[in-house]
């Protein structure tokens, strides 16, 4: 388990300088010593440096100008790679589950941190270049906790921001998730949300993807709107209201008028085995608690289908 924190995760762990207790300065140094002795040696990095480390209050820490050099391995295309982060801010991290003598089957129970201005020279940071998307700094915010006793995973925030291109924000609560990685738990979604705030990413990526398929981007959009219209024809008013938001966002792919916010809140009886019920009128809303909002929503957009 700990090996998975190498590479890209090294930037996260490198920021984990927790402070709990008395004077911020003294405890920050203790947190730094704990990181240097207990965690850093396990990161499997060639080097890990930062310009400044500053305590924030009694339980936080900020690092600036972080540089993590990852040795050549299969995941990096058998070549050395470097990850740089302008600022790392940590509010909480489960040090006990990351130290050397931690049990392999125990996952970190909590983390709350932000990575600002992350760049790198490996393929992960240039994956969208063939689609006309420039290499831009990435900001990541993560805030989660696992209640091992009650078996509940709460992901308050997972936000990925490609500066000037798009921002994706996910939150969810899942029952039946243990902090023991060896446990065979049955996860059941309690709530989930996804917000897509597009600032031009779709307008760049869609034409390139369509071209690979031998299509025009408008044909891809028409296909999507046609499928939505077919589904909407069998739905009632509550579901149509949500589908209108989705259809309007899809139709505005060249220049969205704001973020699309999606939500799910299944009833207690809803599970994966109920997916075959989604075609029934309003099951998407009544059974799975689906919601969708979009500032540019046009009433009737879902049933209207492709633009004439």
C-alpha atoms as a PDB file:
ATOM      1  CA  UNK A   1       0.000   0.000   0.000  1.00  0.00           C
ATOM      2  CA  UNK A   2       2.698   2.473   0.963  1.00  0.00           C
ATOM      3  CA  UNK A   3       4.448   1.954  -2.353  1.00  0.00           C
ATOM      4  CA  UNK A   4       1.497   3.561  -4.130  1.00  0.00           C
ATOM      5  CA  UNK A   5       2.395   6.880  -2.479  1.00  0.00           C
ATOM      6  CA  UNK A   6       5.631   7.062  -4.462  1.00  0.00           C
ATOM      7  CA  UNK A   7       5.914   9.197  -7.568  1.00  0.00           C
ATOM      8  CA  UNK A   8       2.892  11.460  -7.902  1.00  0.00           C
ATOM      9  CA  UNK A   9       1.897  10.751  -4.278  1.00  0.00           C
ATOM     10  CA  UNK A  10       5.321  11.812  -3.097  1.00  0.00           C
ATOM     11  CA  UNK A  11       4.307  15.427  -3.502  1.00  0.00           C
ATOM     12  CA  UNK A  12       1.381  14.815  -1.173  1.00  0.00           C
ATOM     13  CA  UNK A  13       3.429  13.017   1.465  1.00  0.00           C
ATOM     14  CA  UNK A  14       6.201  15.552   1.265  1.00  0.00           C
ATOM     15  CA  UNK A  15       3.788  18.141   2.570  1.00  0.00           C
ATOM     16  CA  UNK A  16       2.766  16.066   5.587  1.00  0.00           C
ATOM     17  CA  UNK A  17       4.395  17.978   8.432  1.00  0.00           C
ATOM     18  CA  UNK A  18       1.710  17.746  11.088  1.00  0.00           C
ATOM     19  CA  UNK A  19       1.840  19.713  14.322  1.00  0.00           C
ATOM     20  CA  UNK A  20      -0.247  18.889  17.361  1.00  0.00           C
ATOM     21  CA  UNK A  21       0.246  20.600  20.674  1.00  0.00           C
ATOM     22  CA  UNK A  22       2.025  23.632  22.074  1.00  0.00           C
ATOM     23  CA  UNK A  23       4.118  26.342  20.435  1.00  0.00           C
ATOM     24  CA  UNK A  24       3.803  26.304  16.660  1.00  0.00           C
ATOM     25  CA  UNK A  25       7.511  26.735  16.015  1.00  0.00           C
ATOM     26  CA  UNK A  26       8.661  23.903  18.259  1.00  0.00           C
ATOM     27  CA  UNK A  27       5.979  21.482  17.112  1.00  0.00           C
ATOM     28  CA  UNK A  28       6.569  22.314  13.453  1.00  0.00           C
ATOM     29  CA  UNK A  29      10.193  21.263  13.907  1.00  0.00           C
ATOM     30  CA  UNK A  30       9.056  18.039  15.581  1.00  0.00           C
ATOM     31  CA  UNK A  31       6.711  17.405  12.682  1.00  0.00           C
ATOM     32  CA  UNK A  32       9.522  18.037  10.255  1.00  0.00           C
ATOM     33  CA  UNK A  33      11.785  15.635  12.129  1.00  0.00           C
ATOM     34  CA  UNK A  34       9.041  13.029  12.107  1.00  0.00           C
ATOM     35  CA  UNK A  35       8.593  13.411   8.369  1.00  0.00           C
ATOM     36  CA  UNK A  36      12.322  13.269   7.689  1.00  0.00           C
ATOM     37  CA  UNK A  37      12.858  10.160   9.829  1.00  0.00           C
ATOM     38  CA  UNK A  38       9.653   8.175   9.441  1.00  0.00           C
ATOM     39  CA  UNK A  39       8.104   9.030   6.079  1.00  0.00           C
ATOM     40  CA  UNK A  40      10.608  10.548   3.676  1.00  0.00           C
ATOM     41  CA  UNK A  41      12.861   7.430   3.511  1.00  0.00           C
ATOM     42  CA  UNK A  42       9.873   5.413   2.248  1.00  0.00           C
ATOM     43  CA  UNK A  43       9.017   7.703  -0.650  1.00  0.00           C
ATOM     44  CA  UNK A  44      11.467   5.993  -3.005  1.00  0.00           C
ATOM     45  CA  UNK A  45      12.553   9.359  -4.378  1.00  0.00           C
ATOM     46  CA  UNK A  46      15.913  10.355  -5.735  1.00  0.00           C
ATOM     47  CA  UNK A  47      15.509  13.684  -3.947  1.00  0.00           C
ATOM     48  CA  UNK A  48      12.912  15.808  -2.196  1.00  0.00           C
ATOM     49  CA  UNK A  49      13.555  19.482  -1.459  1.00  0.00           C
ATOM     50  CA  UNK A  50      11.627  22.620  -0.593  1.00  0.00           C
ATOM     51  CA  UNK A  51      12.585  26.262  -0.218  1.00  0.00           C
ATOM     52  CA  UNK A  52      10.685  27.139   2.961  1.00  0.00           C
ATOM     53  CA  UNK A  53       8.641  25.337   5.581  1.00  0.00           C
ATOM     54  CA  UNK A  54       6.337  27.404   7.789  1.00  0.00           C
ATOM     55  CA  UNK A  55       4.105  26.396  10.690  1.00  0.00           C
ATOM     56  CA  UNK A  56       0.503  27.643  10.531  1.00  0.00           C
ATOM     57  CA  UNK A  57      -1.227  27.853  13.887  1.00  0.00           C
ATOM     58  CA  UNK A  58      -0.825  24.696  15.944  1.00  0.00           C
ATOM     59  CA  UNK A  59      -1.891  22.100  13.400  1.00  0.00           C
ATOM     60  CA  UNK A  60      -0.818  23.175   9.935  1.00  0.00           C
ATOM     61  CA  UNK A  61       2.184  23.560   7.731  1.00  0.00           C
ATOM     62  CA  UNK A  62       3.075  25.200   4.432  1.00  0.00           C
ATOM     63  CA  UNK A  63       5.920  24.280   2.079  1.00  0.00           C
ATOM     64  CA  UNK A  64       6.990  26.381  -0.886  1.00  0.00           C
ATOM     65  CA  UNK A  65       8.877  25.529  -4.076  1.00  0.00           C
ATOM     66  CA  UNK A  66       8.758  21.769  -3.581  1.00  0.00           C
ATOM     67  CA  UNK A  67      10.808  19.654  -5.988  1.00  0.00           C
ATOM     68  CA  UNK A  68      10.472  15.842  -6.016  1.00  0.00           C
ATOM     69  CA  UNK A  69      12.671  13.809  -8.351  1.00  0.00           C
ATOM     70  CA  UNK A  70      11.272  10.354  -9.113  1.00  0.00           C
ATOM     71  CA  UNK A  71      13.744   7.653 -10.225  1.00  0.00           C
ATOM     72  CA  UNK A  72      13.229   5.977 -13.583  1.00  0.00           C
ATOM     73  CA  UNK A  73      10.574   3.256 -13.476  1.00  0.00           C
ATOM     74  CA  UNK A  74       7.933   1.668 -15.672  1.00  0.00           C
ATOM     75  CA  UNK A  75       5.308   4.234 -14.638  1.00  0.00           C
ATOM     76  CA  UNK A  76       7.529   7.109 -15.817  1.00  0.00           C
ATOM     77  CA  UNK A  77       8.515   5.471 -19.097  1.00  0.00           C
ATOM     78  CA  UNK A  78      11.801   4.210 -17.651  1.00  0.00           C
ATOM     79  CA  UNK A  79      13.161   7.702 -17.271  1.00  0.00           C
ATOM     80  CA  UNK A  80      13.710  10.024 -14.352  1.00  0.00           C
ATOM     81  CA  UNK A  81      10.959  12.607 -13.809  1.00  0.00           C
ATOM     82  CA  UNK A  82      10.598  15.766 -11.762  1.00  0.00           C
ATOM     83  CA  UNK A  83       7.499  17.148 -10.056  1.00  0.00           C
ATOM     84  CA  UNK A  84       7.426  20.781  -8.916  1.00  0.00           C
ATOM     85  CA  UNK A  85       4.823  22.382  -6.659  1.00  0.00           C
ATOM     86  CA  UNK A  86       4.634  26.080  -5.902  1.00  0.00           C
ATOM     87  CA  UNK A  87       2.892  25.664  -2.565  1.00  0.00           C
ATOM     88  CA  UNK A  88       1.800  22.740  -0.397  1.00  0.00           C
ATOM     89  CA  UNK A  89      -0.537  23.396   2.525  1.00  0.00           C
ATOM     90  CA  UNK A  90      -1.340  20.598   4.981  1.00  0.00           C
ATOM     91  CA  UNK A  91      -4.005  20.798   7.664  1.00  0.00           C
ATOM     92  CA  UNK A  92      -4.116  17.103   8.594  1.00  0.00           C
ATOM     93  CA  UNK A  93      -2.437  13.827   7.596  1.00  0.00           C
ATOM     94  CA  UNK A  94      -2.464  10.359   9.167  1.00  0.00           C
ATOM     95  CA  UNK A  95       1.216  10.086  10.094  1.00  0.00           C
ATOM     96  CA  UNK A  96       0.664   6.912  12.108  1.00  0.00           C
ATOM     97  CA  UNK A  97      -0.504   5.010   9.018  1.00  0.00           C
ATOM     98  CA  UNK A  98       2.443   6.251   6.914  1.00  0.00           C
ATOM     99  CA  UNK A  99       5.406   5.500   9.142  1.00  0.00           C
ATOM    100  CA  UNK A 100       7.720   2.566   8.497  1.00  0.00           C
ATOM    101  CA  UNK A 101       6.246   0.182  11.075  1.00  0.00           C
ATOM    102  CA  UNK A 102       2.636   0.815  10.004  1.00  0.00           C
ATOM    103  CA  UNK A 103       0.677  -2.265   8.978  1.00  0.00           C
ATOM    104  CA  UNK A 104       0.511  -2.856   5.242  1.00  0.00           C
ATOM    105  CA  UNK A 105      -3.244  -3.458   5.264  1.00  0.00           C
ATOM    106  CA  UNK A 106      -4.111  -0.229   7.091  1.00  0.00           C
ATOM    107  CA  UNK A 107      -4.962   2.685   4.813  1.00  0.00           C
ATOM    108  CA  UNK A 108      -4.384   6.309   5.900  1.00  0.00           C
ATOM    109  CA  UNK A 109      -7.579   7.346   7.726  1.00  0.00           C
ATOM    110  CA  UNK A 110      -7.576  11.046   6.901  1.00  0.00           C
ATOM    111  CA  UNK A 111      -5.902  13.801   4.921  1.00  0.00           C
ATOM    112  CA  UNK A 112      -6.619  17.452   4.310  1.00  0.00           C
ATOM    113  CA  UNK A 113      -4.230  19.288   2.032  1.00  0.00           C
ATOM    114  CA  UNK A 114      -3.796  21.492  -1.010  1.00  0.00           C
ATOM    115  CA  UNK A 115      -1.242  21.433  -3.802  1.00  0.00           C
ATOM    116  CA  UNK A 116      -0.958  24.650  -5.757  1.00  0.00           C
ATOM    117  CA  UNK A 117       0.849  25.149  -9.046  1.00  0.00           C
ATOM    118  CA  UNK A 118       1.932  21.563  -9.687  1.00  0.00           C
ATOM    119  CA  UNK A 119       3.895  20.839 -12.868  1.00  0.00           C
ATOM    120  CA  UNK A 120       5.963  17.922 -14.098  1.00  0.00           C
ATOM    121  CA  UNK A 121       7.975  16.645 -17.015  1.00  0.00           C
ATOM    122  CA  UNK A 122       6.441  13.176 -17.379  1.00  0.00           C
ATOM    123  CA  UNK A 123       3.602  12.048 -19.644  1.00  0.00           C
ATOM    124  CA  UNK A 124       0.926  12.646 -17.021  1.00  0.00           C
ATOM    125  CA  UNK A 125       1.349  16.399 -17.377  1.00  0.00           C
ATOM    126  CA  UNK A 126       1.347  16.379 -21.178  1.00  0.00           C
ATOM    127  CA  UNK A 127      -1.435  13.839 -21.786  1.00  0.00           C
ATOM    128  CA  UNK A 128      -3.790  16.478 -23.209  1.00  0.00           C
ATOM    129  CA  UNK A 129      -1.215  18.166 -25.430  1.00  0.00           C
ATOM    130  CA  UNK A 130      -2.259  16.172 -28.549  1.00  0.00           C
ATOM    131  CA  UNK A 131      -5.738  17.665 -28.118  1.00  0.00           C
ATOM    132  CA  UNK A 132      -4.533  21.241 -28.181  1.00  0.00           C
ATOM    133  CA  UNK A 133      -4.578  21.743 -24.425  1.00  0.00           C
ATOM    134  CA  UNK A 134      -1.524  23.679 -23.202  1.00  0.00           C
ATOM    135  CA  UNK A 135       0.591  22.399 -20.352  1.00  0.00           C
ATOM    136  CA  UNK A 136      -0.717  24.394 -17.401  1.00  0.00           C
ATOM    137  CA  UNK A 137      -0.149  24.235 -13.636  1.00  0.00           C
ATOM    138  CA  UNK A 138      -2.536  21.970 -11.755  1.00  0.00           C
ATOM    139  CA  UNK A 139      -4.078  22.686  -8.360  1.00  0.00           C
ATOM    140  CA  UNK A 140      -5.366  19.819  -6.215  1.00  0.00           C
ATOM    141  CA  UNK A 141      -7.373  19.923  -2.993  1.00  0.00           C
ATOM    142  CA  UNK A 142      -8.062  16.755  -0.998  1.00  0.00           C
ATOM    143  CA  UNK A 143     -10.079  16.377   2.189  1.00  0.00           C
ATOM    144  CA  UNK A 144     -11.218  12.910   3.241  1.00  0.00           C
ATOM    145  CA  UNK A 145     -11.693  10.705   6.300  1.00  0.00           C
ATOM    146  CA  UNK A 146     -12.417   7.013   6.864  1.00  0.00           C
ATOM    147  CA  UNK A 147     -14.362   6.031   9.968  1.00  0.00           C
ATOM    148  CA  UNK A 148     -13.049   2.518  10.482  1.00  0.00           C
ATOM    149  CA  UNK A 149     -15.487   1.706  13.285  1.00  0.00           C
ATOM    150  CA  UNK A 150     -18.645   2.665  11.404  1.00  0.00           C
ATOM    151  CA  UNK A 151     -17.127   1.878   7.990  1.00  0.00           C
ATOM    152  CA  UNK A 152     -17.855   5.197   6.324  1.00  0.00           C
ATOM    153  CA  UNK A 153     -15.711   6.994   3.757  1.00  0.00           C
ATOM    154  CA  UNK A 154     -16.356  10.724   3.611  1.00  0.00           C
ATOM    155  CA  UNK A 155     -14.719  12.531   0.735  1.00  0.00           C
ATOM    156  CA  UNK A 156     -15.496  16.156   1.485  1.00  0.00           C
ATOM    157  CA  UNK A 157     -13.511  17.461  -1.452  1.00  0.00           C
ATOM    158  CA  UNK A 158     -11.423  16.229  -4.312  1.00  0.00           C
ATOM    159  CA  UNK A 159     -10.814  19.190  -6.584  1.00  0.00           C
ATOM    160  CA  UNK A 160      -8.636  19.161  -9.667  1.00  0.00           C
ATOM    161  CA  UNK A 161      -8.101  22.505 -11.340  1.00  0.00           C
ATOM    162  CA  UNK A 162      -6.337  22.783 -14.692  1.00  0.00           C
ATOM    163  CA  UNK A 163      -5.669  26.490 -14.553  1.00  0.00           C
ATOM    164  CA  UNK A 164      -7.538  28.400 -17.225  1.00  0.00           C
ATOM    165  CA  UNK A 165      -9.015  25.194 -18.695  1.00  0.00           C
ATOM    166  CA  UNK A 166     -11.415  23.422 -16.349  1.00  0.00           C
ATOM    167  CA  UNK A 167     -12.070  22.546 -12.737  1.00  0.00           C
ATOM    168  CA  UNK A 168     -13.615  19.298 -11.496  1.00  0.00           C
ATOM    169  CA  UNK A 169     -14.911  18.909  -7.945  1.00  0.00           C
ATOM    170  CA  UNK A 170     -16.080  15.624  -6.428  1.00  0.00           C
ATOM    171  CA  UNK A 171     -17.614  14.890  -3.024  1.00  0.00           C
ATOM    172  CA  UNK A 172     -19.186  11.686  -1.739  1.00  0.00           C
ATOM    173  CA  UNK A 173     -20.109   9.587   1.264  1.00  0.00           C
ATOM    174  CA  UNK A 174     -19.883   5.802   0.967  1.00  0.00           C
ATOM    175  CA  UNK A 175     -21.021   3.332   3.625  1.00  0.00           C
ATOM    176  CA  UNK A 176     -19.313  -0.031   4.074  1.00  0.00           C
ATOM    177  CA  UNK A 177     -15.743   1.199   3.487  1.00  0.00           C
ATOM    178  CA  UNK A 178     -13.141   0.099   6.017  1.00  0.00           C
ATOM    179  CA  UNK A 179      -9.670   1.472   6.755  1.00  0.00           C
ATOM    180  CA  UNK A 180      -8.405  -2.088   6.431  1.00  0.00           C
ATOM    181  CA  UNK A 181      -7.342  -2.580   2.828  1.00  0.00           C
ATOM    182  CA  UNK A 182      -7.610  -6.351   3.230  1.00  0.00           C
ATOM    183  CA  UNK A 183     -11.254  -6.181   4.316  1.00  0.00           C
ATOM    184  CA  UNK A 184     -13.847  -7.277   1.769  1.00  0.00           C
ATOM    185  CA  UNK A 185     -16.343  -4.467   2.232  1.00  0.00           C
ATOM    186  CA  UNK A 186     -19.460  -3.762   0.193  1.00  0.00           C
ATOM    187  CA  UNK A 187     -19.475  -0.036  -0.495  1.00  0.00           C
ATOM    188  CA  UNK A 188     -22.890   1.608  -0.805  1.00  0.00           C
ATOM    189  CA  UNK A 189     -23.191   5.168  -2.018  1.00  0.00           C
ATOM    190  CA  UNK A 190     -24.986   7.522   0.357  1.00  0.00           C
ATOM    191  CA  UNK A 191     -24.453  10.794  -1.494  1.00  0.00           C
ATOM    192  CA  UNK A 192     -22.273  12.068  -4.338  1.00  0.00           C
ATOM    193  CA  UNK A 193     -21.752  15.265  -6.262  1.00  0.00           C
ATOM    194  CA  UNK A 194     -19.735  16.318  -9.288  1.00  0.00           C
ATOM    195  CA  UNK A 195     -19.262  19.882 -10.487  1.00  0.00           C
ATOM    196  CA  UNK A 196     -17.759  20.577 -13.909  1.00  0.00           C
ATOM    197  CA  UNK A 197     -16.607  24.146 -14.424  1.00  0.00           C
ATOM    198  CA  UNK A 198     -15.351  24.274 -18.000  1.00  0.00           C
ATOM    199  CA  UNK A 199     -13.344  27.265 -19.199  1.00  0.00           C
ATOM    200  CA  UNK A 200     -12.518  25.982 -22.657  1.00  0.00           C
ATOM    201  CA  UNK A 201     -11.254  22.437 -22.157  1.00  0.00           C
ATOM    202  CA  UNK A 202     -14.176  20.749 -23.930  1.00  0.00           C
ATOM    203  CA  UNK A 203     -13.938  23.133 -26.880  1.00  0.00           C
ATOM    204  CA  UNK A 204     -10.309  22.051 -27.357  1.00  0.00           C
ATOM    205  CA  UNK A 205     -10.604  18.327 -26.667  1.00  0.00           C
ATOM    206  CA  UNK A 206     -13.895  17.469 -28.410  1.00  0.00           C
ATOM    207  CA  UNK A 207     -12.852  18.432 -31.990  1.00  0.00           C
ATOM    208  CA  UNK A 208      -9.639  16.426 -31.665  1.00  0.00           C
ATOM    209  CA  UNK A 209     -11.443  13.380 -30.264  1.00  0.00           C
ATOM    210  CA  UNK A 210     -14.134  13.611 -32.942  1.00  0.00           C
ATOM    211  CA  UNK A 211     -11.505  13.802 -35.676  1.00  0.00           C
ATOM    212  CA  UNK A 212      -9.912  10.591 -34.396  1.00  0.00           C
ATOM    213  CA  UNK A 213     -13.300   8.915 -34.819  1.00  0.00           C
ATOM    214  CA  UNK A 214     -13.784  10.349 -38.300  1.00  0.00           C
ATOM    215  CA  UNK A 215     -16.556  12.663 -37.149  1.00  0.00           C
ATOM    216  CA  UNK A 216     -17.244  16.344 -36.731  1.00  0.00           C
ATOM    217  CA  UNK A 217     -17.679  17.660 -33.173  1.00  0.00           C
ATOM    218  CA  UNK A 218     -21.215  18.745 -33.993  1.00  0.00           C
ATOM    219  CA  UNK A 219     -22.052  15.141 -34.903  1.00  0.00           C
ATOM    220  CA  UNK A 220     -20.819  13.957 -31.508  1.00  0.00           C
ATOM    221  CA  UNK A 221     -22.952  16.579 -29.755  1.00  0.00           C
ATOM    222  CA  UNK A 222     -26.000  15.713 -31.871  1.00  0.00           C
ATOM    223  CA  UNK A 223     -25.580  12.045 -30.976  1.00  0.00           C
ATOM    224  CA  UNK A 224     -25.441  12.889 -27.271  1.00  0.00           C
ATOM    225  CA  UNK A 225     -28.463  15.191 -27.468  1.00  0.00           C
ATOM    226  CA  UNK A 226     -30.370  12.587 -29.461  1.00  0.00           C
ATOM    227  CA  UNK A 227     -29.723   9.961 -26.787  1.00  0.00           C
ATOM    228  CA  UNK A 228     -30.855  12.381 -24.087  1.00  0.00           C
ATOM    229  CA  UNK A 229     -34.010  13.154 -26.034  1.00  0.00           C
ATOM    230  CA  UNK A 230     -34.816   9.465 -26.356  1.00  0.00           C
ATOM    231  CA  UNK A 231     -34.394   8.975 -22.620  1.00  0.00           C
ATOM    232  CA  UNK A 232     -36.316  12.171 -21.776  1.00  0.00           C
ATOM    233  CA  UNK A 233     -39.328  11.083 -23.811  1.00  0.00           C
ATOM    234  CA  UNK A 234     -40.214   8.528 -21.143  1.00  0.00           C
ATOM    235  CA  UNK A 235     -39.623  10.753 -18.113  1.00  0.00           C
ATOM    236  CA  UNK A 236     -41.813  12.932 -15.947  1.00  0.00           C
ATOM    237  CA  UNK A 237     -41.403  16.573 -14.946  1.00  0.00           C
ATOM    238  CA  UNK A 238     -38.931  16.128 -12.024  1.00  0.00           C
ATOM    239  CA  UNK A 239     -36.484  14.192 -14.170  1.00  0.00           C
ATOM    240  CA  UNK A 240     -36.930  16.486 -17.176  1.00  0.00           C
ATOM    241  CA  UNK A 241     -35.911  19.485 -15.085  1.00  0.00           C
ATOM    242  CA  UNK A 242     -32.547  17.855 -14.310  1.00  0.00           C
ATOM    243  CA  UNK A 243     -32.085  16.570 -17.855  1.00  0.00           C
ATOM    244  CA  UNK A 244     -32.733  20.051 -19.261  1.00  0.00           C
ATOM    245  CA  UNK A 245     -29.677  21.257 -17.332  1.00  0.00           C
ATOM    246  CA  UNK A 246     -27.510  18.459 -18.733  1.00  0.00           C
ATOM    247  CA  UNK A 247     -28.731  18.934 -22.315  1.00  0.00           C
ATOM    248  CA  UNK A 248     -28.222  22.698 -22.133  1.00  0.00           C
ATOM    249  CA  UNK A 249     -24.649  22.254 -20.879  1.00  0.00           C
ATOM    250  CA  UNK A 250     -23.890  19.783 -23.678  1.00  0.00           C
ATOM    251  CA  UNK A 251     -25.340  22.136 -26.291  1.00  0.00           C
ATOM    252  CA  UNK A 252     -23.177  24.989 -24.954  1.00  0.00           C
ATOM    253  CA  UNK A 253     -19.963  22.970 -25.323  1.00  0.00           C
ATOM    254  CA  UNK A 254     -18.188  25.736 -27.225  1.00  0.00           C
ATOM    255  CA  UNK A 255     -18.731  28.281 -24.433  1.00  0.00           C
ATOM    256  CA  UNK A 256     -20.497  27.035 -21.279  1.00  0.00           C
ATOM    257  CA  UNK A 257     -22.432  29.673 -19.339  1.00  0.00           C
ATOM    258  CA  UNK A 258     -21.271  28.384 -15.959  1.00  0.00           C
ATOM    259  CA  UNK A 259     -20.661  25.144 -14.066  1.00  0.00           C
ATOM    260  CA  UNK A 260     -22.755  22.004 -14.362  1.00  0.00           C
ATOM    261  CA  UNK A 261     -23.484  20.557 -10.911  1.00  0.00           C
ATOM    262  CA  UNK A 262     -24.630  16.937 -10.677  1.00  0.00           C
ATOM    263  CA  UNK A 263     -25.794  15.116  -7.572  1.00  0.00           C
ATOM    264  CA  UNK A 264     -26.886  11.662  -6.428  1.00  0.00           C
ATOM    265  CA  UNK A 265     -28.664  10.673  -3.222  1.00  0.00           C
ATOM    266  CA  UNK A 266     -30.016   7.146  -3.606  1.00  0.00           C
ATOM    267  CA  UNK A 267     -32.815   5.871  -1.407  1.00  0.00           C
ATOM    268  CA  UNK A 268     -31.931   3.246   1.179  1.00  0.00           C
ATOM    269  CA  UNK A 269     -33.187   0.517  -1.137  1.00  0.00           C
ATOM    270  CA  UNK A 270     -31.221   1.601  -4.203  1.00  0.00           C
ATOM    271  CA  UNK A 271     -28.155  -0.349  -5.260  1.00  0.00           C
ATOM    272  CA  UNK A 272     -26.246  -1.394  -8.364  1.00  0.00           C
ATOM    273  CA  UNK A 273     -28.827  -4.114  -8.920  1.00  0.00           C
ATOM    274  CA  UNK A 274     -31.423  -1.365  -9.416  1.00  0.00           C
ATOM    275  CA  UNK A 275     -29.711   0.241 -12.411  1.00  0.00           C
ATOM    276  CA  UNK A 276     -32.063  -1.581 -14.758  1.00  0.00           C
ATOM    277  CA  UNK A 277     -34.869   0.534 -13.290  1.00  0.00           C
ATOM    278  CA  UNK A 278     -33.340   3.808 -14.425  1.00  0.00           C
ATOM    279  CA  UNK A 279     -35.437   3.866 -17.617  1.00  0.00           C
ATOM    280  CA  UNK A 280     -38.682   3.925 -15.665  1.00  0.00           C
ATOM    281  CA  UNK A 281     -40.331   7.363 -15.402  1.00  0.00           C
ATOM    282  CA  UNK A 282     -38.656   9.424 -12.678  1.00  0.00           C
ATOM    283  CA  UNK A 283     -36.660   6.479 -11.277  1.00  0.00           C
ATOM    284  CA  UNK A 284     -33.503   8.526 -11.874  1.00  0.00           C
ATOM    285  CA  UNK A 285     -34.837  11.127  -9.429  1.00  0.00           C
ATOM    286  CA  UNK A 286     -37.099   9.105  -7.130  1.00  0.00           C
ATOM    287  CA  UNK A 287     -34.802   6.112  -6.680  1.00  0.00           C
ATOM    288  CA  UNK A 288     -31.321   7.521  -7.246  1.00  0.00           C
ATOM    289  CA  UNK A 289     -31.910  11.101  -6.153  1.00  0.00           C
ATOM    290  CA  UNK A 290     -30.381  12.606  -9.286  1.00  0.00           C
ATOM    291  CA  UNK A 291     -30.135  16.395  -9.513  1.00  0.00           C
ATOM    292  CA  UNK A 292     -28.544  18.729 -12.050  1.00  0.00           C
ATOM    293  CA  UNK A 293     -28.235  22.498 -12.215  1.00  0.00           C
ATOM    294  CA  UNK A 294     -26.695  24.772 -14.833  1.00  0.00           C
ATOM    295  CA  UNK A 295     -26.954  28.577 -15.123  1.00  0.00           C
ATOM    296  CA  UNK A 296     -27.689  28.365 -18.860  1.00  0.00           C
ATOM    297  CA  UNK A 297     -30.494  25.828 -18.577  1.00  0.00           C
ATOM    298  CA  UNK A 298     -33.158  26.116 -21.278  1.00  0.00           C
ATOM    299  CA  UNK A 299     -36.548  24.592 -20.405  1.00  0.00           C
ATOM    300  CA  UNK A 300     -37.388  21.802 -22.814  1.00  0.00           C
ATOM    301  CA  UNK A 301     -33.772  21.304 -23.934  1.00  0.00           C
ATOM    302  CA  UNK A 302     -33.757  17.589 -23.067  1.00  0.00           C
ATOM    303  CA  UNK A 303     -36.739  16.677 -25.229  1.00  0.00           C
ATOM    304  CA  UNK A 304     -35.709  19.023 -28.030  1.00  0.00           C
ATOM    305  CA  UNK A 305     -32.771  16.859 -29.051  1.00  0.00           C
ATOM    306  CA  UNK A 306     -30.194  18.034 -31.630  1.00  0.00           C
ATOM    307  CA  UNK A 307     -30.397  21.563 -32.983  1.00  0.00           C
ATOM    308  CA  UNK A 308     -32.246  21.687 -36.287  1.00  0.00           C
END
